[in-house]
PDB file of N, CA and C in Angstrom:
ATOM      1  N   MET A   1      16.251  35.040 -45.052  1.00  0.00           N
ATOM      2  CA  MET A   1      15.125  35.917 -44.741  1.00  0.00           C
ATOM      3  C   MET A   1      14.485  35.431 -43.439  1.00  0.00           C
ATOM      4  N   SER A   2      14.125  36.343 -42.563  1.00  0.00           N
ATOM      5  CA  SER A   2      13.551  35.974 -41.269  1.00  0.00           C
ATOM      6  C   SER A   2      12.125  35.467 -41.431  1.00  0.00           C
ATOM      7  N   ARG A   3      11.687  34.711 -40.429  1.00  0.00           N
ATOM      8  CA  ARG A   3      10.314  34.182 -40.437  1.00  0.00           C
ATOM      9  C   ARG A   3       9.282  35.287 -40.505  1.00  0.00           C
ATOM     10  N   ASN A   4       9.510  36.345 -39.729  1.00  0.00           N
ATOM     11  CA  ASN A   4       8.566  37.468 -39.722  1.00  0.00           C
ATOM     12  C   ASN A   4       8.454  38.106 -41.096  1.00  0.00           C
ATOM     13  N   LYS A   5       9.574  38.250 -41.780  1.00  0.00           N
ATOM     14  CA  LYS A   5       9.578  38.857 -43.111  1.00  0.00           C
ATOM     15  C   LYS A   5       8.813  37.978 -44.103  1.00  0.00           C
ATOM     16  N   VAL A   6       9.032  36.669 -44.018  1.00  0.00           N
ATOM     17  CA  VAL A   6       8.341  35.725 -44.904  1.00  0.00           C
ATOM     18  C   VAL A   6       6.843  35.751 -44.620  1.00  0.00           C
ATOM     19  N   ALA A   7       6.474  35.744 -43.342  1.00  0.00           N
ATOM     20  CA  ALA A   7       5.061  35.780 -42.963  1.00  0.00           C
ATOM     21  C   ALA A   7       4.406  37.066 -43.440  1.00  0.00           C
ATOM     22  N   GLU A   8       5.122  38.176 -43.320  1.00  0.00           N
ATOM     23  CA  GLU A   8       4.605  39.473 -43.767  1.00  0.00           C
ATOM     24  C   GLU A   8       4.377  39.463 -45.281  1.00  0.00           C
ATOM     25  N   GLU A   9       5.319  38.905 -46.027  1.00  0.00           N
ATOM     26  CA  GLU A   9       5.176  38.829 -47.481  1.00  0.00           C
ATOM     27  C   GLU A   9       3.993  37.940 -47.874  1.00  0.00           C
ATOM     28  N   GLN A  10       3.799  36.848 -47.142  1.00  0.00           N
ATOM     29  CA  GLN A  10       2.660  35.962 -47.417  1.00  0.00           C
ATOM     30  C   GLN A  10       1.344  36.681 -47.146  1.00  0.00           C
ATOM     31  N   ASN A  11       1.287  37.464 -46.059  1.00  0.00           N
ATOM     32  CA  ASN A  11       0.079  38.232 -45.743  1.00  0.00           C
ATOM     33  C   ASN A  11      -0.232  39.231 -46.852  1.00  0.00           C
ATOM     34  N   ILE A  12       0.781  39.926 -47.329  1.00  0.00           N
ATOM     35  CA  ILE A  12       0.590  40.911 -48.393  1.00  0.00           C
ATOM     36  C   ILE A  12       0.119  40.217 -49.673  1.00  0.00           C
ATOM     37  N   LYS A  13       0.686  39.056 -49.969  1.00  0.00           N
ATOM     38  CA  LYS A  13       0.276  38.310 -51.160  1.00  0.00           C
ATOM     39  C   LYS A  13      -1.190  37.885 -51.043  1.00  0.00           C
ATOM     40  N   ARG A  14      -1.599  37.396 -49.855  1.00  0.00           N
ATOM     41  CA  ARG A  14      -3.000  36.995 -49.653  1.00  0.00           C
ATOM     42  C   ARG A  14      -3.932  38.196 -49.825  1.00  0.00           C
ATOM     43  N   MET A  15      -3.507  39.345 -49.298  1.00  0.00           N
ATOM     44  CA  MET A  15      -4.328  40.561 -49.433  1.00  0.00           C
ATOM     45  C   MET A  15      -4.464  40.956 -50.904  1.00  0.00           C
ATOM     46  N   ALA A  16      -3.373  40.915 -51.634  1.00  0.00           N
ATOM     47  CA  ALA A  16      -3.408  41.249 -53.064  1.00  0.00           C
ATOM     48  C   ALA A  16      -4.300  40.266 -53.821  1.00  0.00           C
ATOM     49  N   ASP A  17      -4.219  38.995 -53.466  1.00  0.00           N
ATOM     50  CA  ASP A  17      -5.073  37.981 -54.099  1.00  0.00           C
ATOM     51  C   ASP A  17      -6.547  38.276 -53.840  1.00  0.00           C
ATOM     52  N   LEU A  18      -6.873  38.665 -52.622  1.00  0.00           N
ATOM     53  CA  LEU A  18      -8.262  38.992 -52.294  1.00  0.00           C
ATOM     54  C   LEU A  18      -8.766  40.157 -53.137  1.00  0.00           C
ATOM     55  N   LEU A  19      -7.928  41.166 -53.292  1.00  0.00           N
ATOM     56  CA  LEU A  19      -8.319  42.322 -54.113  1.00  0.00           C
ATOM     57  C   LEU A  19      -8.515  41.918 -55.572  1.00  0.00           C
ATOM     58  N   ARG A  20      -7.627  41.073 -56.082  1.00  0.00           N
ATOM     59  CA  ARG A  20      -7.758  40.596 -57.468  1.00  0.00           C
ATOM     60  C   ARG A  20      -9.037  39.787 -57.660  1.00  0.00           C
ATOM     61  N   GLN A  21      -9.491  39.120 -56.611  1.00  0.00           N
ATOM     62  CA  GLN A  21     -10.695  38.290 -56.685  1.00  0.00           C
ATOM     63  C   GLN A  21     -11.971  39.108 -56.502  1.00  0.00           C
ATOM     64  N   GLY A  22     -11.823  40.413 -56.334  1.00  0.00           N
ATOM     65  CA  GLY A  22     -12.992  41.276 -56.234  1.00  0.00           C
ATOM     66  C   GLY A  22     -13.405  41.643 -54.819  1.00  0.00           C
ATOM     67  N   SER A  23     -12.594  41.291 -53.838  1.00  0.00           N
ATOM     68  CA  SER A  23     -12.892  41.687 -52.462  1.00  0.00           C
ATOM     69  C   SER A  23     -12.587  43.167 -52.279  1.00  0.00           C
ATOM     70  N   THR A  24     -13.183  43.742 -51.249  1.00  0.00           N
ATOM     71  CA  THR A  24     -13.009  45.167 -50.969  1.00  0.00           C
ATOM     72  C   THR A  24     -12.303  45.342 -49.631  1.00  0.00           C
ATOM     73  N   LEU A  25     -11.311  46.197 -49.610  1.00  0.00           N
ATOM     74  CA  LEU A  25     -10.629  46.540 -48.364  1.00  0.00           C
ATOM     75  C   LEU A  25     -11.551  47.440 -47.558  1.00  0.00           C
ATOM     76  N   THR A  26     -11.775  47.097 -46.295  1.00  0.00           N
ATOM     77  CA  THR A  26     -12.660  47.897 -45.449  1.00  0.00           C
ATOM     78  C   THR A  26     -11.844  48.774 -44.511  1.00  0.00           C
ATOM     79  N   ASP A  27     -12.550  49.607 -43.761  1.00  0.00           N
ATOM     80  CA  ASP A  27     -11.883  50.438 -42.757  1.00  0.00           C
ATOM     81  C   ASP A  27     -11.891  49.757 -41.393  1.00  0.00           C
ATOM     82  N   LEU A  28     -12.263  48.473 -41.376  1.00  0.00           N
ATOM     83  CA  LEU A  28     -12.327  47.713 -40.131  1.00  0.00           C
ATOM     84  C   LEU A  28     -11.042  46.929 -39.913  1.00  0.00           C
ATOM     85  N   ALA A  29     -10.740  46.660 -38.640  1.00  0.00           N
ATOM     86  CA  ALA A  29      -9.553  45.884 -38.299  1.00  0.00           C
ATOM     87  C   ALA A  29      -9.968  44.588 -37.611  1.00  0.00           C
ATOM     88  N   CYS A  30      -9.182  43.552 -37.823  1.00  0.00           N
ATOM     89  CA  CYS A  30      -9.437  42.265 -37.189  1.00  0.00           C
ATOM     90  C   CYS A  30      -9.300  42.417 -35.678  1.00  0.00           C
ATOM     91  N   PRO A  31     -10.288  41.928 -34.916  1.00  0.00           N
ATOM     92  CA  PRO A  31     -10.192  42.041 -33.457  1.00  0.00           C
ATOM     93  C   PRO A  31      -9.091  41.163 -32.868  1.00  0.00           C
ATOM     94  N   ALA A  32      -8.629  40.164 -33.606  1.00  0.00           N
ATOM     95  CA  ALA A  32      -7.598  39.268 -33.088  1.00  0.00           C
ATOM     96  C   ALA A  32      -6.179  39.757 -33.380  1.00  0.00           C
ATOM     97  N   CYS A  33      -5.960  40.322 -34.610  1.00  0.00           N
ATOM     98  CA  CYS A  33      -4.587  40.671 -34.995  1.00  0.00           C
ATOM     99  C   CYS A  33      -4.424  42.113 -35.461  1.00  0.00           C
ATOM    100  N   ALA A  34      -5.518  42.861 -35.559  1.00  0.00           N
ATOM    101  CA  ALA A  34      -5.529  44.269 -35.978  1.00  0.00           C
ATOM    102  C   ALA A  34      -5.190  44.469 -37.458  1.00  0.00           C
ATOM    103  N   SER A  35      -5.167  43.394 -38.225  1.00  0.00           N
ATOM    104  CA  SER A  35      -4.938  43.493 -39.668  1.00  0.00           C
ATOM    105  C   SER A  35      -6.203  44.030 -40.337  1.00  0.00           C
ATOM    106  N   PRO A  36      -6.091  44.702 -41.480  1.00  0.00           N
ATOM    107  CA  PRO A  36      -7.291  45.202 -42.154  1.00  0.00           C
ATOM    108  C   PRO A  36      -8.195  44.047 -42.599  1.00  0.00           C
ATOM    109  N   LEU A  37      -9.503  44.291 -42.547  1.00  0.00           N
ATOM    110  CA  LEU A  37     -10.463  43.282 -42.967  1.00  0.00           C
ATOM    111  C   LEU A  37     -10.905  43.543 -44.397  1.00  0.00           C
ATOM    112  N   PHE A  38     -11.229  42.469 -45.093  1.00  0.00           N
ATOM    113  CA  PHE A  38     -11.721  42.540 -46.458  1.00  0.00           C
ATOM    114  C   PHE A  38     -13.160  42.070 -46.489  1.00  0.00           C
ATOM    115  N   ARG A  39     -13.967  42.717 -47.321  1.00  0.00           N
ATOM    116  CA  ARG A  39     -15.334  42.254 -47.551  1.00  0.00           C
ATOM    117  C   ARG A  39     -15.299  41.424 -48.824  1.00  0.00           C
ATOM    118  N   LEU A  40     -15.587  40.127 -48.676  1.00  0.00           N
ATOM    119  CA  LEU A  40     -15.594  39.235 -49.824  1.00  0.00           C
ATOM    120  C   LEU A  40     -16.806  39.515 -50.693  1.00  0.00           C
ATOM    121  N   ARG A  41     -16.800  38.998 -51.890  1.00  0.00           N
ATOM    122  CA  ARG A  41     -17.931  39.202 -52.795  1.00  0.00           C
ATOM    123  C   ARG A  41     -19.207  38.604 -52.216  1.00  0.00           C
ATOM    124  N   SER A  42     -19.066  37.615 -51.334  1.00  0.00           N
ATOM    125  CA  SER A  42     -20.227  37.007 -50.670  1.00  0.00           C
ATOM    126  C   SER A  42     -20.820  37.926 -49.608  1.00  0.00           C
ATOM    127  N   GLY A  43     -20.073  38.988 -49.247  1.00  0.00           N
ATOM    128  CA  GLY A  43     -20.526  39.906 -48.206  1.00  0.00           C
ATOM    129  C   GLY A  43     -19.885  39.637 -46.853  1.00  0.00           C
ATOM    130  N   ASN A  44     -19.223  38.498 -46.710  1.00  0.00           N
ATOM    131  CA  ASN A  44     -18.578  38.158 -45.446  1.00  0.00           C
ATOM    132  C   ASN A  44     -17.299  38.966 -45.256  1.00  0.00           C
ATOM    133  N   LEU A  45     -16.961  39.217 -43.994  1.00  0.00           N
ATOM    134  CA  LEU A  45     -15.693  39.870 -43.666  1.00  0.00           C
ATOM    135  C   LEU A  45     -14.627  38.794 -43.495  1.00  0.00           C
ATOM    136  N   TRP A  46     -13.401  39.092 -43.962  1.00  0.00           N
ATOM    137  CA  TRP A  46     -12.330  38.102 -43.942  1.00  0.00           C
ATOM    138  C   TRP A  46     -11.032  38.760 -43.513  1.00  0.00           C
ATOM    139  N   CYS A  47     -10.303  38.077 -42.630  1.00  0.00           N
ATOM    140  CA  CYS A  47      -8.977  38.529 -42.227  1.00  0.00           C
ATOM    141  C   CYS A  47      -7.949  37.705 -43.009  1.00  0.00           C
ATOM    142  N   ALA A  48      -7.164  38.370 -43.846  1.00  0.00           N
ATOM    143  CA  ALA A  48      -6.168  37.676 -44.658  1.00  0.00           C
ATOM    144  C   ALA A  48      -5.037  37.122 -43.787  1.00  0.00           C
ATOM    145  N   LYS A  49      -4.717  37.809 -42.710  1.00  0.00           N
ATOM    146  CA  LYS A  49      -3.621  37.363 -41.853  1.00  0.00           C
ATOM    147  C   LYS A  49      -4.026  36.124 -41.047  1.00  0.00           C
ATOM    148  N   CYS A  50      -5.181  36.171 -40.412  1.00  0.00           N
ATOM    149  CA  CYS A  50      -5.669  35.026 -39.625  1.00  0.00           C
ATOM    150  C   CYS A  50      -6.243  33.928 -40.526  1.00  0.00           C
ATOM    151  N   GLN A  51      -6.598  34.317 -41.746  1.00  0.00           N
ATOM    152  CA  GLN A  51      -7.234  33.433 -42.712  1.00  0.00           C
ATOM    153  C   GLN A  51      -8.536  32.856 -42.158  1.00  0.00           C
ATOM    154  N   LYS A  52      -9.332  33.765 -41.599  1.00  0.00           N
ATOM    155  CA  LYS A  52     -10.602  33.374 -40.993  1.00  0.00           C
ATOM    156  C   LYS A  52     -11.678  34.397 -41.298  1.00  0.00           C
ATOM    157  N   LYS A  53     -12.912  33.901 -41.283  1.00  0.00           N
ATOM    158  CA  LYS A  53     -14.074  34.767 -41.392  1.00  0.00           C
ATOM    159  C   LYS A  53     -14.197  35.538 -40.085  1.00  0.00           C
ATOM    160  N   VAL A  54     -14.565  36.796 -40.182  1.00  0.00           N
ATOM    161  CA  VAL A  54     -14.711  37.632 -38.989  1.00  0.00           C
ATOM    162  C   VAL A  54     -16.161  38.100 -38.917  1.00  0.00           C
ATOM    163  N   ILE A  55     -16.739  37.949 -37.739  1.00  0.00           N
ATOM    164  CA  ILE A  55     -18.111  38.400 -37.500  1.00  0.00           C
ATOM    165  C   ILE A  55     -18.041  39.559 -36.525  1.00  0.00           C
ATOM    166  N   ILE A  56     -18.610  40.664 -36.912  1.00  0.00           N
ATOM    167  CA  ILE A  56     -18.674  41.833 -36.036  1.00  0.00           C
ATOM    168  C   ILE A  56     -20.058  41.845 -35.402  1.00  0.00           C
ATOM    169  N   VAL A  57     -20.091  41.772 -34.081  1.00  0.00           N
ATOM    170  CA  VAL A  57     -21.362  41.843 -33.354  1.00  0.00           C
ATOM    171  C   VAL A  57     -21.531  43.279 -32.895  1.00  0.00           C
ATOM    172  N   LYS A  58     -22.558  43.911 -33.422  1.00  0.00           N
ATOM    173  CA  LYS A  58     -22.809  45.313 -33.080  1.00  0.00           C
ATOM    174  C   LYS A  58     -23.449  45.399 -31.704  1.00  0.00           C
ATOM    175  N   GLU A  59     -23.282  46.536 -31.075  1.00  0.00           N
ATOM    176  CA  GLU A  59     -23.864  46.772 -29.758  1.00  0.00           C
ATOM    177  C   GLU A  59     -25.377  46.573 -29.834  1.00  0.00           C
ATOM    178  N   GLY A  60     -25.902  45.779 -28.916  1.00  0.00           N
ATOM    179  CA  GLY A  60     -27.333  45.507 -28.877  1.00  0.00           C
ATOM    180  C   GLY A  60     -27.743  44.314 -29.732  1.00  0.00           C
ATOM    181  N   GLU A  61     -26.831  43.796 -30.541  1.00  0.00           N
ATOM    182  CA  GLU A  61     -27.133  42.647 -31.391  1.00  0.00           C
ATOM    183  C   GLU A  61     -26.917  41.364 -30.592  1.00  0.00           C
ATOM    184  N   GLU A  62     -27.710  40.368 -30.868  1.00  0.00           N
ATOM    185  CA  GLU A  62     -27.625  39.115 -30.123  1.00  0.00           C
ATOM    186  C   GLU A  62     -26.540  38.213 -30.702  1.00  0.00           C
ATOM    187  N   PRO A  63     -25.526  37.856 -29.905  1.00  0.00           N
ATOM    188  CA  PRO A  63     -24.481  36.942 -30.387  1.00  0.00           C
ATOM    189  C   PRO A  63     -25.039  35.573 -30.791  1.00  0.00           C
ATOM    190  N   ALA A  64     -26.105  35.122 -30.147  1.00  0.00           N
ATOM    191  CA  ALA A  64     -26.681  33.816 -30.477  1.00  0.00           C
ATOM    192  C   ALA A  64     -27.195  33.800 -31.912  1.00  0.00           C
ATOM    193  N   LYS A  65     -27.766  34.900 -32.354  1.00  0.00           N
ATOM    194  CA  LYS A  65     -28.279  34.982 -33.725  1.00  0.00           C
ATOM    195  C   LYS A  65     -27.115  34.912 -34.717  1.00  0.00           C
ATOM    196  N   ILE A  66     -26.032  35.583 -34.399  1.00  0.00           N
ATOM    197  CA  ILE A  66     -24.840  35.567 -35.245  1.00  0.00           C
ATOM    198  C   ILE A  66     -24.260  34.162 -35.293  1.00  0.00           C
ATOM    199  N   THR A  67     -24.171  33.501 -34.154  1.00  0.00           N
ATOM    200  CA  THR A  67     -23.634  32.149 -34.093  1.00  0.00           C
ATOM    201  C   THR A  67     -24.496  31.198 -34.910  1.00  0.00           C
ATOM    202  N   GLY A  68     -25.813  31.353 -34.826  1.00  0.00           N
ATOM    203  CA  GLY A  68     -26.716  30.523 -35.612  1.00  0.00           C
ATOM    204  C   GLY A  68     -26.483  30.708 -37.098  1.00  0.00           C
ATOM    205  N   SER A  69     -26.235  31.932 -37.504  1.00  0.00           N
ATOM    206  CA  SER A  69     -25.957  32.227 -38.903  1.00  0.00           C
ATOM    207  C   SER A  69     -24.666  31.551 -39.354  1.00  0.00           C
ATOM    208  N   MET A  70     -23.655  31.562 -38.500  1.00  0.00           N
ATOM    209  CA  MET A  70     -22.387  30.907 -38.817  1.00  0.00           C
ATOM    210  C   MET A  70     -22.584  29.409 -38.996  1.00  0.00           C
ATOM    211  N   VAL A  71     -23.396  28.814 -38.128  1.00  0.00           N
ATOM    212  CA  VAL A  71     -23.665  27.375 -38.215  1.00  0.00           C
ATOM    213  C   VAL A  71     -24.344  27.063 -39.541  1.00  0.00           C
ATOM    214  N   LEU A  72     -25.310  27.878 -39.927  1.00  0.00           N
ATOM    215  CA  LEU A  72     -26.006  27.658 -41.195  1.00  0.00           C
ATOM    216  C   LEU A  72     -25.048  27.819 -42.383  1.00  0.00           C
ATOM    217  N   ASP A  73     -24.158  28.795 -42.314  1.00  0.00           N
ATOM    218  CA  ASP A  73     -23.170  28.982 -43.385  1.00  0.00           C
ATOM    219  C   ASP A  73     -22.266  27.761 -43.515  1.00  0.00           C
ATOM    220  N   THR A  74     -21.817  27.249 -42.376  1.00  0.00           N
ATOM    221  CA  THR A  74     -20.942  26.078 -42.377  1.00  0.00           C
ATOM    222  C   THR A  74     -21.678  24.851 -42.901  1.00  0.00           C
ATOM    223  N   LEU A  75     -22.901  24.683 -42.459  1.00  0.00           N
ATOM    224  CA  LEU A  75     -23.709  23.554 -42.912  1.00  0.00           C
ATOM    225  C   LEU A  75     -23.962  23.644 -44.413  1.00  0.00           C
ATOM    226  N   GLU A  76     -24.244  24.834 -44.899  1.00  0.00           N
ATOM    227  CA  GLU A  76     -24.468  25.033 -46.332  1.00  0.00           C
ATOM    228  C   GLU A  76     -23.215  24.651 -47.126  1.00  0.00           C
ATOM    229  N   ALA A  77     -22.065  25.077 -46.661  1.00  0.00           N
ATOM    230  CA  ALA A  77     -20.812  24.761 -47.346  1.00  0.00           C
ATOM    231  C   ALA A  77     -20.554  23.255 -47.348  1.00  0.00           C
ATOM    232  N   THR A  78     -20.857  22.603 -46.240  1.00  0.00           N
ATOM    233  CA  THR A  78     -20.679  21.155 -46.150  1.00  0.00           C
ATOM    234  C   THR A  78     -21.592  20.433 -47.133  1.00  0.00           C
ATOM    235  N   LEU A  79     -22.852  20.854 -47.175  1.00  0.00           N
ATOM    236  CA  LEU A  79     -23.798  20.228 -48.103  1.00  0.00           C
ATOM    237  C   LEU A  79     -23.373  20.442 -49.552  1.00  0.00           C
ATOM    238  N   LEU A  80     -22.901  21.633 -49.885  1.00  0.00           N
ATOM    239  CA  LEU A  80     -22.440  21.898 -51.243  1.00  0.00           C
ATOM    240  C   LEU A  80     -21.257  20.996 -51.618  1.00  0.00           C
ATOM    241  N   ALA A  81     -20.362  20.783 -50.664  1.00  0.00           N
ATOM    242  CA  ALA A  81     -19.224  19.894 -50.910  1.00  0.00           C
ATOM    243  C   ALA A  81     -19.705  18.464 -51.144  1.00  0.00           C
ATOM    244  N   LYS A  82     -20.695  18.033 -50.373  1.00  0.00           N
ATOM    245  CA  LYS A  82     -21.241  16.684 -50.537  1.00  0.00           C
ATOM    246  C   LYS A  82     -21.968  16.540 -51.872  1.00  0.00           C
ATOM    247  N   VAL A  83     -22.687  17.576 -52.279  1.00  0.00           N
ATOM    248  CA  VAL A  83     -23.355  17.552 -53.590  1.00  0.00           C
ATOM    249  C   VAL A  83     -22.302  17.373 -54.681  1.00  0.00           C
ATOM    250  N   GLN A  84     -21.190  18.083 -54.565  1.00  0.00           N
ATOM    251  CA  GLN A  84     -20.105  17.964 -55.546  1.00  0.00           C
ATOM    252  C   GLN A  84     -19.531  16.549 -55.553  1.00  0.00           C
ATOM    253  N   GLU A  85     -19.348  15.964 -54.374  1.00  0.00           N
ATOM    254  CA  GLU A  85     -18.838  14.596 -54.290  1.00  0.00           C
ATOM    255  C   GLU A  85     -19.779  13.612 -54.981  1.00  0.00           C
ATOM    256  N   ILE A  86     -21.075  13.750 -54.721  1.00  0.00           N
ATOM    257  CA  ILE A  86     -22.068  12.865 -55.336  1.00  0.00           C
ATOM    258  C   ILE A  86     -22.062  13.054 -56.857  1.00  0.00           C
ATOM    259  N   GLN A  87     -21.986  14.293 -57.293  1.00  0.00           N
ATOM    260  CA  GLN A  87     -21.952  14.574 -58.728  1.00  0.00           C
ATOM    261  C   GLN A  87     -20.754  13.878 -59.384  1.00  0.00           C
ATOM    262  N   ASN A  88     -19.595  13.973 -58.748  1.00  0.00           N
ATOM    263  CA  ASN A  88     -18.393  13.323 -59.287  1.00  0.00           C
ATOM    264  C   ASN A  88     -18.566  11.812 -59.356  1.00  0.00           C
ATOM    265  N   LYS A  89     -19.154  11.221 -58.315  1.00  0.00           N
ATOM    266  CA  LYS A  89     -19.391   9.776 -58.315  1.00  0.00           C
ATOM    267  C   LYS A  89     -20.371   9.388 -59.427  1.00  0.00           C
ATOM    268  N   MET A  90     -21.406  10.206 -59.621  1.00  0.00           N
ATOM    269  CA  MET A  90     -22.410   9.901 -60.640  1.00  0.00           C
ATOM    270  C   MET A  90     -21.803   9.946 -62.049  1.00  0.00           C
ATOM    271  N   GLN A  91     -20.887  10.856 -62.265  1.00  0.00           N
ATOM    272  CA  GLN A  91     -20.279  10.985 -63.590  1.00  0.00           C
ATOM    273  C   GLN A  91     -19.513   9.733 -63.999  1.00  0.00           C
ATOM    274  N   HIS A  92     -18.952   9.031 -63.018  1.00  0.00           N
ATOM    275  CA  HIS A  92     -18.112   7.872 -63.316  1.00  0.00           C
ATOM    276  C   HIS A  92     -18.829   6.542 -63.077  1.00  0.00           C
ATOM    277  N   GLU A  93     -20.043   6.590 -62.591  1.00  0.00           N
ATOM    278  CA  GLU A  93     -20.788   5.367 -62.263  1.00  0.00           C
ATOM    279  C   GLU A  93     -21.559   4.867 -63.472  1.00  0.00           C
ATOM    280  N   GLU A  94     -21.503   3.560 -63.696  1.00  0.00           N
ATOM    281  CA  GLU A  94     -22.240   2.953 -64.802  1.00  0.00           C
ATOM    282  C   GLU A  94     -23.347   2.033 -64.308  1.00  0.00           C
ATOM    283  N   ASN A  95     -23.262   1.591 -63.066  1.00  0.00           N
ATOM    284  CA  ASN A  95     -24.256   0.688 -62.490  1.00  0.00           C
ATOM    285  C   ASN A  95     -25.539   1.474 -62.205  1.00  0.00           C
ATOM    286  N   VAL A  96     -26.647   1.040 -62.834  1.00  0.00           N
ATOM    287  CA  VAL A  96     -27.919   1.751 -62.720  1.00  0.00           C
ATOM    288  C   VAL A  96     -28.416   1.781 -61.274  1.00  0.00           C
ATOM    289  N   GLU A  97     -28.284   0.682 -60.554  1.00  0.00           N
ATOM    290  CA  GLU A  97     -28.739   0.636 -59.159  1.00  0.00           C
ATOM    291  C   GLU A  97     -27.955   1.621 -58.297  1.00  0.00           C
ATOM    292  N   GLU A  98     -26.662   1.687 -58.529  1.00  0.00           N
ATOM    293  CA  GLU A  98     -25.830   2.627 -57.766  1.00  0.00           C
ATOM    294  C   GLU A  98     -26.185   4.067 -58.120  1.00  0.00           C
ATOM    295  N   LEU A  99     -26.468   4.317 -59.400  1.00  0.00           N
ATOM    296  CA  LEU A  99     -26.899   5.650 -59.825  1.00  0.00           C
ATOM    297  C   LEU A  99     -28.210   6.052 -59.157  1.00  0.00           C
ATOM    298  N   GLN A 100     -29.125   5.096 -58.999  1.00  0.00           N
ATOM    299  CA  GLN A 100     -30.389   5.385 -58.316  1.00  0.00           C
ATOM    300  C   GLN A 100     -30.138   5.747 -56.852  1.00  0.00           C
ATOM    301  N   LYS A 101     -29.237   5.021 -56.197  1.00  0.00           N
ATOM    302  CA  LYS A 101     -28.894   5.326 -54.798  1.00  0.00           C
ATOM    303  C   LYS A 101     -28.283   6.722 -54.691  1.00  0.00           C
ATOM    304  N   LEU A 102     -27.352   6.991 -55.587  1.00  0.00           N
ATOM    305  CA  LEU A 102     -26.703   8.309 -55.570  1.00  0.00           C
ATOM    306  C   LEU A 102     -27.717   9.415 -55.842  1.00  0.00           C
ATOM    307  N   GLY A 103     -28.661   9.154 -56.753  1.00  0.00           N
ATOM    308  CA  GLY A 103     -29.703  10.132 -57.058  1.00  0.00           C
ATOM    309  C   GLY A 103     -30.570  10.421 -55.851  1.00  0.00           C
ATOM    310  N   THR A 104     -30.889   9.376 -55.091  1.00  0.00           N
ATOM    311  CA  THR A 104     -31.695   9.547 -53.876  1.00  0.00           C
ATOM    312  C   THR A 104     -30.937  10.393 -52.847  1.00  0.00           C
ATOM    313  N   VAL A 105     -29.671  10.092 -52.675  1.00  0.00           N
ATOM    314  CA  VAL A 105     -28.844  10.860 -51.730  1.00  0.00           C
ATOM    315  C   VAL A 105     -28.745  12.315 -52.195  1.00  0.00           C
ATOM    316  N   LEU A 106     -28.517  12.505 -53.484  1.00  0.00           N
ATOM    317  CA  LEU A 106     -28.414  13.861 -54.032  1.00  0.00           C
ATOM    318  C   LEU A 106     -29.701  14.646 -53.809  1.00  0.00           C
ATOM    319  N   SER A 107     -30.820  14.003 -54.040  1.00  0.00           N
ATOM    320  CA  SER A 107     -32.116  14.651 -53.835  1.00  0.00           C
ATOM    321  C   SER A 107     -32.267  15.110 -52.382  1.00  0.00           C
ATOM    322  N   GLY A 108     -31.900  14.258 -51.440  1.00  0.00           N
ATOM    323  CA  GLY A 108     -31.978  14.614 -50.018  1.00  0.00           C
ATOM    324  C   GLY A 108     -31.068  15.786 -49.676  1.00  0.00           C
ATOM    325  N   LEU A 109     -29.855  15.758 -50.229  1.00  0.00           N
ATOM    326  CA  LEU A 109     -28.922  16.861 -49.978  1.00  0.00           C
ATOM    327  C   LEU A 109     -29.470  18.182 -50.515  1.00  0.00           C
ATOM    328  N   LEU A 110     -30.028  18.139 -51.711  1.00  0.00           N
ATOM    329  CA  LEU A 110     -30.564  19.370 -52.312  1.00  0.00           C
ATOM    330  C   LEU A 110     -31.775  19.893 -51.540  1.00  0.00           C
ATOM    331  N   GLU A 111     -32.611  18.990 -51.043  1.00  0.00           N
ATOM    332  CA  GLU A 111     -33.751  19.421 -50.219  1.00  0.00           C
ATOM    333  C   GLU A 111     -33.264  20.114 -48.956  1.00  0.00           C
ATOM    334  N   ASN A 112     -32.261  19.526 -48.311  1.00  0.00           N
ATOM    335  CA  ASN A 112     -31.719  20.128 -47.091  1.00  0.00           C
ATOM    336  C   ASN A 112     -31.032  21.459 -47.389  1.00  0.00           C
ATOM    337  N   LEU A 113     -30.356  21.536 -48.513  1.00  0.00           N
ATOM    338  CA  LEU A 113     -29.716  22.787 -48.913  1.00  0.00           C
ATOM    339  C   LEU A 113     -30.761  23.887 -49.087  1.00  0.00           C
ATOM    340  N   GLU A 114     -31.873  23.540 -49.707  1.00  0.00           N
ATOM    341  CA  GLU A 114     -32.958  24.513 -49.895  1.00  0.00           C
ATOM    342  C   GLU A 114     -33.521  24.968 -48.540  1.00  0.00           C
ATOM    343  N   LYS A 115     -33.689  24.036 -47.611  1.00  0.00           N
ATOM    344  CA  LYS A 115     -34.200  24.381 -46.271  1.00  0.00           C
ATOM    345  C   LYS A 115     -33.247  25.331 -45.555  1.00  0.00           C
ATOM    346  N   ILE A 116     -31.962  25.066 -45.660  1.00  0.00           N
ATOM    347  CA  ILE A 116     -30.970  25.924 -45.007  1.00  0.00           C
ATOM    348  C   ILE A 116     -31.014  27.326 -45.605  1.00  0.00           C
ATOM    349  N   ARG A 117     -31.113  27.407 -46.920  1.00  0.00           N
ATOM    350  CA  ARG A 117     -31.148  28.721 -47.565  1.00  0.00           C
ATOM    351  C   ARG A 117     -32.405  29.490 -47.174  1.00  0.00           C
ATOM    352  N   LYS A 118     -33.505  28.797 -47.010  1.00  0.00           N
ATOM    353  CA  LYS A 118     -34.739  29.453 -46.537  1.00  0.00           C
ATOM    354  C   LYS A 118     -34.550  29.934 -45.103  1.00  0.00           C
ATOM    355  N   ALA A 119     -33.952  29.113 -44.269  1.00  0.00           N
ATOM    356  CA  ALA A 119     -33.724  29.479 -42.867  1.00  0.00           C
ATOM    357  C   ALA A 119     -32.807  30.700 -42.753  1.00  0.00           C
ATOM    358  N   LYS A 120     -31.837  30.816 -43.661  1.00  0.00           N
ATOM    359  CA  LYS A 120     -30.928  31.960 -43.627  1.00  0.00           C
ATOM    360  C   LYS A 120     -31.618  33.258 -43.980  1.00  0.00           C
ATOM    361  N   LYS A 121     -32.697  33.193 -44.755  1.00  0.00           N
ATOM    362  CA  LYS A 121     -33.424  34.392 -45.154  1.00  0.00           C
ATOM    363  C   LYS A 121     -34.311  34.924 -44.047  1.00  0.00           C
ATOM    364  N   VAL A 122     -34.651  34.067 -43.080  1.00  0.00           N
ATOM    365  CA  VAL A 122     -35.559  34.472 -41.998  1.00  0.00           C
ATOM    366  C   VAL A 122     -34.873  35.409 -41.053  1.00  0.00           C
TER     367      VAL A 122
END
């Protein structure tokens, strides 16, 4: 089977997976590859072929505002991953002093997560 055929089958499988996960096929096309875009349940647009989030900047809209939103989304995802890491460490930790340190770090992460979510609403 040719590389193009395999890549095409993988793209179709990713698209089917997105639909099964509750994403919606839109009438928009990816500006990079012209593949159809999907609206994820989170509301973000996603290109299954490029495997990337797609941001559509409407005429008259400020690209800087969109970029700022992307940064906040990325930061939020990073903080959530760190919260998960701390949670996993806490589950297996028996040393009380270490648990206190982890609790302090977790508290700071959650405070920052709350600030980011507030900033995204503005």
